[in-house]
Amino acid sequence: MKKIFLALTVLLTFVSFGQKQELTLGADVWPLFTNVENEKSILTDLVREALSRSEISTTFEIDEFSKVLSNIDNGELDGSPGLWISEARKEKYLFSKPYLYNQLILVGLRGSDVSAQSFSELEGKKIGVINNYEYGDFDSTKNLIIVPDVSNQKNLENLLSENIDYMLVDALLIQYMLKHQLNDVTKYLAIGQSPLLVKSLHLALGKNVENAQAILDDFDEKIEDMIADESFNRILELNWVRADVDGDGKTELVLGSNMAGSSAPKNIYGLMMDDSYKSNNGPQRYYVDGKLYEDWDNVPKSYKLDLVEDKTPSEQDTYIRLDF
């Protein structure tokens, strides 16, 4: 009933304007989350798909991050497909529910100790981050040396030149790198195993955008639908994700294909709707082809097929590669 009421409310709002709503959203070059046209850009793909289900068309403009924020503030842009929340930003923008989480892990040169569980263990170390991102106070660690630069690529160059000791990199980017560029990664880098910082990603709209709250409410509903119909997995190009598909507050493992593998999945990329990433005990329920199963043994054998791994990067994978 709630979904029906919300859908009718949004529909009537849009009909009252006599035409389909259009949004212009801005982002910076942030592989593989946001990027220029024809490059992999999972946030714009997810947001475009969710909004299109409400018959809202979107145009994406790519610019320097500080200029994107400035253009939202002055009304030249309606919002951004993926922003972190801060108290200052909440004064100016309205936000969707989280639809993805950046899980920032520690990356150092090969041989480095990347086992830190908190920033307090890194006092005196130089940590590469990206300019203007709302990382927060880094657990109020006083002697942490933060070195901002314009991109992950620049941070990587600083790391390889030993100008910094570590950099913070999103776990999803690392997962893609390990999938397509295993030899290069293991030759040069040491990768942490758990996130030091988790930041929620939201569709953000300026408060002056007409129907902004109705758009965001309906966007939240469409994201839930995309998780349930497995299109979310397909856009992320991940076989499994962890999410709460039935709204009971507990996460399930959601399969995005008809091949679950011959054994229970491990190291699942979670959508992080709870604190399950802090525990080694993952959820026990599985969502496969529209049905919930209480444990791995109950998943039908017809889905327990080994995945075929293609380790040969294609031209479409070149966006993942980092220049050493």
C-alpha atoms as a PDB file:
ATOM      1  CA  MET A   1       0.000   0.000   0.000  1.00  0.00           C
ATOM      2  CA  LYS A   2       2.849   2.393   0.836  1.00  0.00           C
ATOM      3  CA  LYS A   3       4.466   1.872  -2.590  1.00  0.00           C
ATOM      4  CA  ILE A   4       1.128   2.363  -4.364  1.00  0.00           C
ATOM      5  CA  PHE A   5       0.398   5.601  -2.487  1.00  0.00           C
ATOM      6  CA  LEU A   6       3.908   6.938  -3.135  1.00  0.00           C
ATOM      7  CA  ALA A   7       3.768   6.058  -6.837  1.00  0.00           C
ATOM      8  CA  LEU A   8       0.401   7.810  -7.225  1.00  0.00           C
ATOM      9  CA  THR A   9       1.656  10.882  -5.386  1.00  0.00           C
ATOM     10  CA  VAL A  10       4.756  11.186  -7.582  1.00  0.00           C
ATOM     11  CA  LEU A  11       2.761  10.495 -10.758  1.00  0.00           C
ATOM     12  CA  LEU A  12       0.187  13.169  -9.966  1.00  0.00           C
ATOM     13  CA  THR A  13       2.936  15.637  -9.126  1.00  0.00           C
ATOM     14  CA  PHE A  14       4.665  15.090 -12.451  1.00  0.00           C
ATOM     15  CA  VAL A  15       1.404  15.111 -14.433  1.00  0.00           C
ATOM     16  CA  SER A  16       0.535  18.493 -12.942  1.00  0.00           C
ATOM     17  CA  PHE A  17       3.500  19.962 -14.805  1.00  0.00           C
ATOM     18  CA  GLY A  18       2.240  18.451 -18.046  1.00  0.00           C
ATOM     19  CA  GLN A  19       5.513  16.828 -19.023  1.00  0.00           C
ATOM     20  CA  LYS A  20       8.205  14.428 -17.974  1.00  0.00           C
ATOM     21  CA  GLN A  21      10.660  15.826 -15.441  1.00  0.00           C
ATOM     22  CA  GLU A  22      14.285  16.329 -16.446  1.00  0.00           C
ATOM     23  CA  LEU A  23      17.282  16.587 -14.134  1.00  0.00           C
ATOM     24  CA  THR A  24      20.815  17.789 -14.815  1.00  0.00           C
ATOM     25  CA  LEU A  25      23.254  16.164 -12.399  1.00  0.00           C
ATOM     26  CA  GLY A  26      26.956  16.852 -11.961  1.00  0.00           C
ATOM     27  CA  ALA A  27      29.948  14.793 -10.867  1.00  0.00           C
ATOM     28  CA  ASP A  28      33.707  14.695 -11.241  1.00  0.00           C
ATOM     29  CA  VAL A  29      35.895  12.061 -12.898  1.00  0.00           C
ATOM     30  CA  TRP A  30      36.000   9.353 -10.220  1.00  0.00           C
ATOM     31  CA  PRO A  31      36.654   5.975 -11.857  1.00  0.00           C
ATOM     32  CA  LEU A  32      34.778   3.730 -11.758  1.00  0.00           C
ATOM     33  CA  PHE A  33      31.967   5.506  -9.930  1.00  0.00           C
ATOM     34  CA  THR A  34      31.508   8.579 -12.133  1.00  0.00           C
ATOM     35  CA  ASN A  35      33.251   9.334 -15.390  1.00  0.00           C
ATOM     36  CA  VAL A  36      33.014  10.904 -18.832  1.00  0.00           C
ATOM     37  CA  GLU A  37      30.694   9.456 -21.463  1.00  0.00           C
ATOM     38  CA  ASN A  38      31.557   5.968 -22.771  1.00  0.00           C
ATOM     39  CA  GLU A  39      33.665   5.152 -19.691  1.00  0.00           C
ATOM     40  CA  LYS A  40      32.505   2.870 -16.884  1.00  0.00           C
ATOM     41  CA  SER A  41      30.412   4.917 -14.443  1.00  0.00           C
ATOM     42  CA  ILE A  42      28.374   2.786 -12.062  1.00  0.00           C
ATOM     43  CA  LEU A  43      26.790   5.611 -10.052  1.00  0.00           C
ATOM     44  CA  THR A  44      25.436   7.413 -13.094  1.00  0.00           C
ATOM     45  CA  ASP A  45      24.266   4.071 -14.531  1.00  0.00           C
ATOM     46  CA  LEU A  46      22.443   3.159 -11.316  1.00  0.00           C
ATOM     47  CA  VAL A  47      20.875   6.600 -10.902  1.00  0.00           C
ATOM     48  CA  ARG A  48      19.880   6.873 -14.565  1.00  0.00           C
ATOM     49  CA  GLU A  49      18.178   3.466 -14.454  1.00  0.00           C
ATOM     50  CA  ALA A  50      16.339   4.158 -11.184  1.00  0.00           C
ATOM     51  CA  LEU A  51      15.101   7.593 -12.299  1.00  0.00           C
ATOM     52  CA  SER A  52      14.093   6.340 -15.742  1.00  0.00           C
ATOM     53  CA  ARG A  53      11.687   3.937 -14.024  1.00  0.00           C
ATOM     54  CA  SER A  54       9.869   7.047 -12.813  1.00  0.00           C
ATOM     55  CA  GLU A  55      10.038   8.563 -16.311  1.00  0.00           C
ATOM     56  CA  ILE A  56      12.593  11.136 -15.215  1.00  0.00           C
ATOM     57  CA  SER A  57      15.287  11.824 -17.798  1.00  0.00           C
ATOM     58  CA  THR A  58      18.805  12.712 -16.700  1.00  0.00           C
ATOM     59  CA  THR A  59      21.750  14.582 -18.168  1.00  0.00           C
ATOM     60  CA  PHE A  60      25.161  14.220 -16.510  1.00  0.00           C
ATOM     61  CA  GLU A  61      27.852  16.881 -16.602  1.00  0.00           C
ATOM     62  CA  ILE A  62      31.429  16.066 -15.593  1.00  0.00           C
ATOM     63  CA  ASP A  63      33.599  18.806 -14.106  1.00  0.00           C
ATOM     64  CA  GLU A  64      35.975  19.499 -11.227  1.00  0.00           C
ATOM     65  CA  PHE A  65      34.354  18.459  -7.966  1.00  0.00           C
ATOM     66  CA  SER A  66      34.482  21.921  -6.381  1.00  0.00           C
ATOM     67  CA  LYS A  67      32.814  23.398  -9.460  1.00  0.00           C
ATOM     68  CA  VAL A  68      30.106  20.712  -9.373  1.00  0.00           C
ATOM     69  CA  LEU A  69      29.190  21.705  -5.820  1.00  0.00           C
ATOM     70  CA  SER A  70      29.286  25.392  -6.723  1.00  0.00           C
ATOM     71  CA  ASN A  71      26.980  24.837  -9.704  1.00  0.00           C
ATOM     72  CA  ILE A  72      24.481  22.932  -7.539  1.00  0.00           C
ATOM     73  CA  ASP A  73      24.532  25.805  -5.063  1.00  0.00           C
ATOM     74  CA  ASN A  74      23.879  28.457  -7.732  1.00  0.00           C
ATOM     75  CA  GLY A  75      21.170  26.413  -9.464  1.00  0.00           C
ATOM     76  CA  GLU A  76      23.035  25.587 -12.679  1.00  0.00           C
ATOM     77  CA  LEU A  77      22.843  21.898 -11.703  1.00  0.00           C
ATOM     78  CA  ASP A  78      19.969  20.102  -9.982  1.00  0.00           C
ATOM     79  CA  GLY A  79      22.189  17.824  -7.930  1.00  0.00           C
ATOM     80  CA  SER A  80      24.714  15.001  -8.014  1.00  0.00           C
ATOM     81  CA  PRO A  81      24.304  11.227  -8.494  1.00  0.00           C
ATOM     82  CA  GLY A  82      26.562  10.276  -5.603  1.00  0.00           C
ATOM     83  CA  LEU A  83      27.439  12.478  -2.619  1.00  0.00           C
ATOM     84  CA  TRP A  84      28.564  11.719   0.897  1.00  0.00           C
ATOM     85  CA  ILE A  85      26.474  13.377   3.623  1.00  0.00           C
ATOM     86  CA  SER A  86      27.809  15.995   5.988  1.00  0.00           C
ATOM     87  CA  GLU A  87      26.060  18.422   8.302  1.00  0.00           C
ATOM     88  CA  ALA A  88      27.058  21.336   6.069  1.00  0.00           C
ATOM     89  CA  ARG A  89      25.664  19.614   2.992  1.00  0.00           C
ATOM     90  CA  LYS A  90      22.383  18.800   4.706  1.00  0.00           C
ATOM     91  CA  GLU A  91      21.840  22.533   5.078  1.00  0.00           C
ATOM     92  CA  LYS A  92      21.810  22.906   1.277  1.00  0.00           C
ATOM     93  CA  TYR A  93      20.731  19.588  -0.243  1.00  0.00           C
ATOM     94  CA  LEU A  94      18.135  16.855   0.127  1.00  0.00           C
ATOM     95  CA  PHE A  95      19.409  13.281   0.072  1.00  0.00           C
ATOM     96  CA  SER A  96      18.066   9.881  -0.914  1.00  0.00           C
ATOM     97  CA  LYS A  97      18.566   6.912   1.333  1.00  0.00           C
ATOM     98  CA  PRO A  98      22.002   5.287   0.919  1.00  0.00           C
ATOM     99  CA  TYR A  99      22.065   3.169  -2.214  1.00  0.00           C
ATOM    100  CA  LEU A 100      25.748   2.202  -2.066  1.00  0.00           C
ATOM    101  CA  TYR A 101      28.586   2.587   0.403  1.00  0.00           C
ATOM    102  CA  ASN A 102      32.194   3.536  -0.203  1.00  0.00           C
ATOM    103  CA  GLN A 103      34.285   1.133   1.848  1.00  0.00           C
ATOM    104  CA  LEU A 104      37.705   2.755   2.035  1.00  0.00           C
ATOM    105  CA  ILE A 105      40.584   0.404   2.675  1.00  0.00           C
ATOM    106  CA  LEU A 106      44.288   0.963   3.218  1.00  0.00           C
ATOM    107  CA  VAL A 107      46.660   0.471   0.282  1.00  0.00           C
ATOM    108  CA  GLY A 108      50.449   0.626   0.562  1.00  0.00           C
ATOM    109  CA  LEU A 109      53.480  -0.492  -1.358  1.00  0.00           C
ATOM    110  CA  ARG A 110      54.173  -4.211  -1.463  1.00  0.00           C
ATOM    111  CA  GLY A 111      55.621  -5.266   1.877  1.00  0.00           C
ATOM    112  CA  SER A 112      53.843  -2.524   3.814  1.00  0.00           C
ATOM    113  CA  ASP A 113      51.844  -3.342   6.923  1.00  0.00           C
ATOM    114  CA  VAL A 114      48.206  -2.769   5.946  1.00  0.00           C
ATOM    115  CA  SER A 115      46.664  -4.541   8.939  1.00  0.00           C
ATOM    116  CA  ALA A 116      45.579  -1.355  10.774  1.00  0.00           C
ATOM    117  CA  GLN A 117      42.033  -1.535  12.132  1.00  0.00           C
ATOM    118  CA  SER A 118      41.797   2.165  12.972  1.00  0.00           C
ATOM    119  CA  PHE A 119      43.468   5.430  12.058  1.00  0.00           C
ATOM    120  CA  SER A 120      45.007   5.663  15.539  1.00  0.00           C
ATOM    121  CA  GLU A 121      47.378   2.874  14.444  1.00  0.00           C
ATOM    122  CA  LEU A 122      48.688   5.098  11.643  1.00  0.00           C
ATOM    123  CA  GLU A 123      49.926   8.100  13.621  1.00  0.00           C
ATOM    124  CA  GLY A 124      52.838   9.804  11.913  1.00  0.00           C
ATOM    125  CA  LYS A 125      52.021   8.199   8.550  1.00  0.00           C
ATOM    126  CA  LYS A 126      51.204  10.145   5.390  1.00  0.00           C
ATOM    127  CA  ILE A 127      47.803   9.118   3.995  1.00  0.00           C
ATOM    128  CA  GLY A 128      46.769  10.059   0.448  1.00  0.00           C
ATOM    129  CA  VAL A 129      43.151  11.186   0.019  1.00  0.00           C
ATOM    130  CA  ILE A 130      41.196  13.141  -2.611  1.00  0.00           C
ATOM    131  CA  ASN A 131      40.591  16.904  -2.429  1.00  0.00           C
ATOM    132  CA  ASN A 132      37.226  18.215  -1.179  1.00  0.00           C
ATOM    133  CA  TYR A 133      35.813  14.821  -0.171  1.00  0.00           C
ATOM    134  CA  GLU A 134      33.982  14.755   3.160  1.00  0.00           C
ATOM    135  CA  TYR A 135      36.057  12.069   4.887  1.00  0.00           C
ATOM    136  CA  GLY A 136      35.274  13.357   8.367  1.00  0.00           C
ATOM    137  CA  ASP A 137      37.728  13.721  11.241  1.00  0.00           C
ATOM    138  CA  PHE A 138      39.576  10.396  10.755  1.00  0.00           C
ATOM    139  CA  ASP A 139      38.570   9.313  14.249  1.00  0.00           C
ATOM    140  CA  SER A 140      40.138  12.529  15.602  1.00  0.00           C
ATOM    141  CA  THR A 141      43.636  11.066  15.254  1.00  0.00           C
ATOM    142  CA  LYS A 142      45.827  14.113  15.913  1.00  0.00           C
ATOM    143  CA  ASN A 143      49.143  12.997  14.421  1.00  0.00           C
ATOM    144  CA  LEU A 144      47.787  11.566  11.176  1.00  0.00           C
ATOM    145  CA  ILE A 145      49.314  13.346   8.158  1.00  0.00           C
ATOM    146  CA  ILE A 146      46.628  13.793   5.486  1.00  0.00           C
ATOM    147  CA  VAL A 147      47.942  14.492   1.971  1.00  0.00           C
ATOM    148  CA  PRO A 148      45.127  15.487  -0.448  1.00  0.00           C
ATOM    149  CA  ASP A 149      45.442  15.323  -4.218  1.00  0.00           C
ATOM    150  CA  VAL A 150      43.089  15.426  -7.198  1.00  0.00           C
ATOM    151  CA  SER A 151      42.502  11.709  -7.905  1.00  0.00           C
ATOM    152  CA  ASN A 152      43.258   8.103  -7.046  1.00  0.00           C
ATOM    153  CA  GLN A 153      45.727   8.083  -9.941  1.00  0.00           C
ATOM    154  CA  LYS A 154      47.692  10.991  -8.460  1.00  0.00           C
ATOM    155  CA  ASN A 155      47.636   9.335  -5.047  1.00  0.00           C
ATOM    156  CA  LEU A 156      48.935   6.162  -6.636  1.00  0.00           C
ATOM    157  CA  GLU A 157      51.775   8.086  -8.269  1.00  0.00           C
ATOM    158  CA  ASN A 158      52.587   9.658  -4.902  1.00  0.00           C
ATOM    159  CA  LEU A 159      52.576   6.221  -3.298  1.00  0.00           C
ATOM    160  CA  LEU A 160      54.866   4.701  -5.928  1.00  0.00           C
ATOM    161  CA  SER A 161      57.206   7.704  -5.547  1.00  0.00           C
ATOM    162  CA  GLU A 162      57.136   7.136  -1.763  1.00  0.00           C
ATOM    163  CA  ASN A 163      55.819  10.655  -1.169  1.00  0.00           C
ATOM    164  CA  ILE A 164      53.072   9.093   0.951  1.00  0.00           C
ATOM    165  CA  ASP A 165      52.960   5.925   3.030  1.00  0.00           C
ATOM    166  CA  TYR A 166      49.414   4.828   2.208  1.00  0.00           C
ATOM    167  CA  MET A 167      46.322   5.799   0.240  1.00  0.00           C
ATOM    168  CA  LEU A 168      42.647   5.171   0.851  1.00  0.00           C
ATOM    169  CA  VAL A 169      40.949   3.281  -1.982  1.00  0.00           C
ATOM    170  CA  ASP A 170      37.387   2.038  -2.339  1.00  0.00           C
ATOM    171  CA  ALA A 171      36.968  -1.724  -1.916  1.00  0.00           C
ATOM    172  CA  LEU A 172      34.908  -1.979  -5.107  1.00  0.00           C
ATOM    173  CA  LEU A 173      37.740  -0.517  -7.189  1.00  0.00           C
ATOM    174  CA  ILE A 174      40.145  -2.957  -5.553  1.00  0.00           C
ATOM    175  CA  GLN A 175      37.787  -5.833  -6.317  1.00  0.00           C
ATOM    176  CA  TYR A 176      37.731  -4.881  -9.993  1.00  0.00           C
ATOM    177  CA  MET A 177      41.525  -4.541 -10.027  1.00  0.00           C
ATOM    178  CA  LEU A 178      42.000  -7.964  -8.480  1.00  0.00           C
ATOM    179  CA  LYS A 179      39.617  -9.415 -11.042  1.00  0.00           C
ATOM    180  CA  HIS A 180      41.278  -7.897 -14.101  1.00  0.00           C
ATOM    181  CA  GLN A 181      44.823  -6.934 -13.102  1.00  0.00           C
ATOM    182  CA  LEU A 182      45.902  -9.418 -10.432  1.00  0.00           C
ATOM    183  CA  ASN A 183      49.570  -9.617 -11.419  1.00  0.00           C
ATOM    184  CA  ASP A 184      50.141  -5.852 -11.432  1.00  0.00           C
ATOM    185  CA  VAL A 185      48.375  -5.363  -8.112  1.00  0.00           C
ATOM    186  CA  THR A 186      50.262  -8.112  -6.293  1.00  0.00           C
ATOM    187  CA  LYS A 187      53.572  -6.963  -7.803  1.00  0.00           C
ATOM    188  CA  TYR A 188      53.321  -3.398  -6.579  1.00  0.00           C
ATOM    189  CA  LEU A 189      50.712  -3.087  -3.840  1.00  0.00           C
ATOM    190  CA  ALA A 190      49.675  -4.361  -0.429  1.00  0.00           C
ATOM    191  CA  ILE A 191      45.911  -4.319   0.157  1.00  0.00           C
ATOM    192  CA  GLY A 192      44.115  -4.048   3.513  1.00  0.00           C
ATOM    193  CA  GLN A 193      41.403  -6.581   4.307  1.00  0.00           C
ATOM    194  CA  SER A 194      38.803  -4.459   6.104  1.00  0.00           C
ATOM    195  CA  PRO A 195      37.528  -0.891   5.640  1.00  0.00           C
ATOM    196  CA  LEU A 196      38.945   1.852   7.813  1.00  0.00           C
ATOM    197  CA  LEU A 197      36.193   4.211   6.768  1.00  0.00           C
ATOM    198  CA  VAL A 198      32.696   3.590   5.415  1.00  0.00           C
ATOM    199  CA  LYS A 199      30.794   6.438   3.740  1.00  0.00           C
ATOM    200  CA  SER A 200      27.245   6.209   2.426  1.00  0.00           C
ATOM    201  CA  LEU A 201      26.489   7.340  -1.134  1.00  0.00           C
ATOM    202  CA  HIS A 202      23.281   9.246  -1.899  1.00  0.00           C
ATOM    203  CA  LEU A 203      21.511  10.908  -4.780  1.00  0.00           C
ATOM    204  CA  ALA A 204      21.513  14.573  -3.751  1.00  0.00           C
ATOM    205  CA  LEU A 205      19.241  17.327  -5.063  1.00  0.00           C
ATOM    206  CA  GLY A 206      19.249  21.027  -4.342  1.00  0.00           C
ATOM    207  CA  LYS A 207      16.444  22.112  -2.042  1.00  0.00           C
ATOM    208  CA  ASN A 208      15.193  24.501  -4.727  1.00  0.00           C
ATOM    209  CA  VAL A 209      14.541  21.662  -7.228  1.00  0.00           C
ATOM    210  CA  GLU A 210      10.810  21.212  -7.821  1.00  0.00           C
ATOM    211  CA  ASN A 211       9.408  17.927  -6.483  1.00  0.00           C
ATOM    212  CA  ALA A 212      12.838  17.147  -4.995  1.00  0.00           C
ATOM    213  CA  GLN A 213      11.604  15.172  -1.997  1.00  0.00           C
ATOM    214  CA  ALA A 214       9.039  13.238  -4.058  1.00  0.00           C
ATOM    215  CA  ILE A 215      11.728  12.380  -6.596  1.00  0.00           C
ATOM    216  CA  LEU A 216      14.064  11.115  -3.876  1.00  0.00           C
ATOM    217  CA  ASP A 217      11.356   9.078  -2.151  1.00  0.00           C
ATOM    218  CA  ASP A 218      10.456   7.369  -5.402  1.00  0.00           C
ATOM    219  CA  PHE A 219      14.147   6.864  -6.216  1.00  0.00           C
ATOM    220  CA  ASP A 220      14.518   4.935  -2.938  1.00  0.00           C
ATOM    221  CA  GLU A 221      11.660   2.649  -3.953  1.00  0.00           C
ATOM    222  CA  LYS A 222      13.112   2.055  -7.422  1.00  0.00           C
ATOM    223  CA  ILE A 223      16.512   1.135  -5.970  1.00  0.00           C
ATOM    224  CA  GLU A 224      14.827  -1.515  -3.820  1.00  0.00           C
ATOM    225  CA  ASP A 225      13.142  -2.863  -6.952  1.00  0.00           C
ATOM    226  CA  MET A 226      16.470  -2.962  -8.791  1.00  0.00           C
ATOM    227  CA  ILE A 227      18.088  -4.964  -5.997  1.00  0.00           C
ATOM    228  CA  ALA A 228      15.197  -7.419  -6.008  1.00  0.00           C
ATOM    229  CA  ASP A 229      15.148  -7.864  -9.802  1.00  0.00           C
ATOM    230  CA  GLU A 230      18.971  -8.260  -9.877  1.00  0.00           C
ATOM    231  CA  SER A 231      19.596  -5.323 -12.218  1.00  0.00           C
ATOM    232  CA  PHE A 232      21.631  -3.727  -9.411  1.00  0.00           C
ATOM    233  CA  ASN A 233      24.088  -6.654  -9.512  1.00  0.00           C
ATOM    234  CA  ARG A 234      24.329  -6.487 -13.273  1.00  0.00           C
ATOM    235  CA  ILE A 235      25.232  -2.792 -13.291  1.00  0.00           C
ATOM    236  CA  LEU A 236      27.892  -3.407 -10.636  1.00  0.00           C
ATOM    237  CA  GLU A 237      29.049  -6.485 -12.595  1.00  0.00           C
ATOM    238  CA  LEU A 238      29.094  -8.524  -9.387  1.00  0.00           C
ATOM    239  CA  ASN A 239      27.632 -11.993  -9.019  1.00  0.00           C
ATOM    240  CA  TRP A 240      26.686 -11.535  -5.353  1.00  0.00           C
ATOM    241  CA  VAL A 241      25.837  -8.491  -3.263  1.00  0.00           C
ATOM    242  CA  ARG A 242      24.634  -8.270   0.306  1.00  0.00           C
ATOM    243  CA  ALA A 243      21.377  -6.358   0.809  1.00  0.00           C
ATOM    244  CA  ASP A 244      18.082  -6.366   2.697  1.00  0.00           C
ATOM    245  CA  VAL A 245      15.685  -7.390  -0.079  1.00  0.00           C
ATOM    246  CA  ASP A 246      12.614  -8.121   2.051  1.00  0.00           C
ATOM    247  CA  GLY A 247      12.779  -5.083   4.342  1.00  0.00           C
ATOM    248  CA  ASP A 248      13.050  -7.028   7.595  1.00  0.00           C
ATOM    249  CA  GLY A 249      16.226  -5.261   8.689  1.00  0.00           C
ATOM    250  CA  LYS A 250      18.405  -8.318   8.039  1.00  0.00           C
ATOM    251  CA  THR A 251      20.609  -8.702   4.994  1.00  0.00           C
ATOM    252  CA  GLU A 252      20.537 -11.505   2.467  1.00  0.00           C
ATOM    253  CA  LEU A 253      22.994 -12.560  -0.229  1.00  0.00           C
ATOM    254  CA  VAL A 254      21.500 -11.632  -3.598  1.00  0.00           C
ATOM    255  CA  LEU A 255      22.542 -13.589  -6.695  1.00  0.00           C
ATOM    256  CA  GLY A 256      22.774 -11.621  -9.937  1.00  0.00           C
ATOM    257  CA  SER A 257      22.994 -14.567 -12.349  1.00  0.00           C
ATOM    258  CA  ASN A 258      21.918 -18.211 -12.618  1.00  0.00           C
ATOM    259  CA  MET A 259      25.313 -19.496 -11.411  1.00  0.00           C
ATOM    260  CA  ALA A 260      25.804 -19.412  -7.659  1.00  0.00           C
ATOM    261  CA  GLY A 261      29.036 -21.407  -7.575  1.00  0.00           C
ATOM    262  CA  SER A 262      29.610 -24.871  -6.140  1.00  0.00           C
ATOM    263  CA  SER A 263      30.175 -23.654  -2.569  1.00  0.00           C
ATOM    264  CA  ALA A 264      28.742 -20.929  -0.348  1.00  0.00           C
ATOM    265  CA  PRO A 265      30.062 -17.490  -1.403  1.00  0.00           C
ATOM    266  CA  LYS A 266      32.632 -15.640   0.670  1.00  0.00           C
ATOM    267  CA  ASN A 267      34.005 -12.072   0.692  1.00  0.00           C
ATOM    268  CA  ILE A 268      30.759 -10.642  -0.689  1.00  0.00           C
ATOM    269  CA  TYR A 269      30.687  -6.968  -1.614  1.00  0.00           C
ATOM    270  CA  GLY A 270      28.012  -5.658   0.705  1.00  0.00           C
ATOM    271  CA  LEU A 271      25.710  -2.771  -0.008  1.00  0.00           C
ATOM    272  CA  MET A 272      26.430  -2.051   3.647  1.00  0.00           C
ATOM    273  CA  MET A 273      22.913  -1.342   4.860  1.00  0.00           C
ATOM    274  CA  ASP A 274      24.003  -2.429   8.323  1.00  0.00           C
ATOM    275  CA  ASP A 275      27.222  -3.095  10.300  1.00  0.00           C
ATOM    276  CA  SER A 276      27.656  -6.637   8.983  1.00  0.00           C
ATOM    277  CA  TYR A 277      30.972  -5.713   7.376  1.00  0.00           C
ATOM    278  CA  LYS A 278      32.443  -5.519  10.889  1.00  0.00           C
ATOM    279  CA  SER A 279      31.754  -9.182  11.537  1.00  0.00           C
ATOM    280  CA  ASN A 280      33.105 -12.346   9.929  1.00  0.00           C
ATOM    281  CA  ASN A 281      29.687 -13.940  10.236  1.00  0.00           C
ATOM    282  CA  GLY A 282      27.723 -13.042   7.126  1.00  0.00           C
ATOM    283  CA  PRO A 283      23.989 -13.446   6.582  1.00  0.00           C
ATOM    284  CA  GLN A 284      22.662 -16.979   6.204  1.00  0.00           C
ATOM    285  CA  ARG A 285      19.769 -16.318   3.839  1.00  0.00           C
ATOM    286  CA  TYR A 286      20.073 -16.333   0.055  1.00  0.00           C
ATOM    287  CA  TYR A 287      17.960 -14.553  -2.545  1.00  0.00           C
ATOM    288  CA  VAL A 288      18.098 -16.461  -5.816  1.00  0.00           C
ATOM    289  CA  ASP A 289      15.934 -15.849  -8.879  1.00  0.00           C
ATOM    290  CA  GLY A 290      13.212 -14.074  -6.894  1.00  0.00           C
ATOM    291  CA  LYS A 291      13.050 -16.580  -4.008  1.00  0.00           C
ATOM    292  CA  LEU A 292      14.458 -16.569  -0.477  1.00  0.00           C
ATOM    293  CA  TYR A 293      16.305 -19.615   0.898  1.00  0.00           C
ATOM    294  CA  GLU A 294      17.097 -19.925   4.585  1.00  0.00           C
ATOM    295  CA  ASP A 295      20.565 -21.408   4.097  1.00  0.00           C
ATOM    296  CA  TRP A 296      23.018 -22.575   1.433  1.00  0.00           C
ATOM    297  CA  ASP A 297      21.850 -26.186   1.583  1.00  0.00           C
ATOM    298  CA  ASN A 298      18.349 -25.132   0.518  1.00  0.00           C
ATOM    299  CA  VAL A 299      19.534 -23.327  -2.614  1.00  0.00           C
ATOM    300  CA  PRO A 300      18.553 -25.604  -5.542  1.00  0.00           C
ATOM    301  CA  LYS A 301      21.392 -27.652  -7.014  1.00  0.00           C
ATOM    302  CA  SER A 302      20.530 -26.349 -10.480  1.00  0.00           C
ATOM    303  CA  TYR A 303      22.096 -22.994  -9.478  1.00  0.00           C
ATOM    304  CA  LYS A 304      25.235 -24.453  -7.897  1.00  0.00           C
ATOM    305  CA  LEU A 305      27.347 -24.185 -11.012  1.00  0.00           C
ATOM    306  CA  ASP A 306      31.002 -23.182 -10.984  1.00  0.00           C
ATOM    307  CA  LEU A 307      31.637 -19.711 -12.342  1.00  0.00           C
ATOM    308  CA  VAL A 308      33.807 -19.487 -15.435  1.00  0.00           C
ATOM    309  CA  GLU A 309      36.614 -17.031 -14.740  1.00  0.00           C
ATOM    310  CA  ASP A 310      38.023 -15.067 -17.660  1.00  0.00           C
ATOM    311  CA  LYS A 311      41.364 -13.603 -16.571  1.00  0.00           C
ATOM    312  CA  THR A 312      42.105 -11.957 -19.914  1.00  0.00           C
ATOM    313  CA  PRO A 313      41.334  -8.214 -19.800  1.00  0.00           C
ATOM    314  CA  SER A 314      39.382  -6.903 -22.779  1.00  0.00           C
ATOM    315  CA  GLU A 315      39.322  -3.398 -24.237  1.00  0.00           C
ATOM    316  CA  GLN A 316      36.297  -2.699 -22.054  1.00  0.00           C
ATOM    317  CA  ASP A 317      38.412  -3.412 -18.966  1.00  0.00           C
ATOM    318  CA  THR A 318      41.107  -0.852 -19.699  1.00  0.00           C
ATOM    319  CA  TYR A 319      39.411   1.740 -17.498  1.00  0.00           C
ATOM    320  CA  ILE A 320      40.340  -0.379 -14.501  1.00  0.00           C
ATOM    321  CA  ARG A 321      44.054  -0.418 -15.244  1.00  0.00           C
ATOM    322  CA  LEU A 322      46.312   1.931 -13.310  1.00  0.00           C
ATOM    323  CA  ASP A 323      49.443   3.407 -14.878  1.00  0.00           C
ATOM    324  CA  PHE A 324      52.593   2.368 -13.057  1.00  0.00           C
END
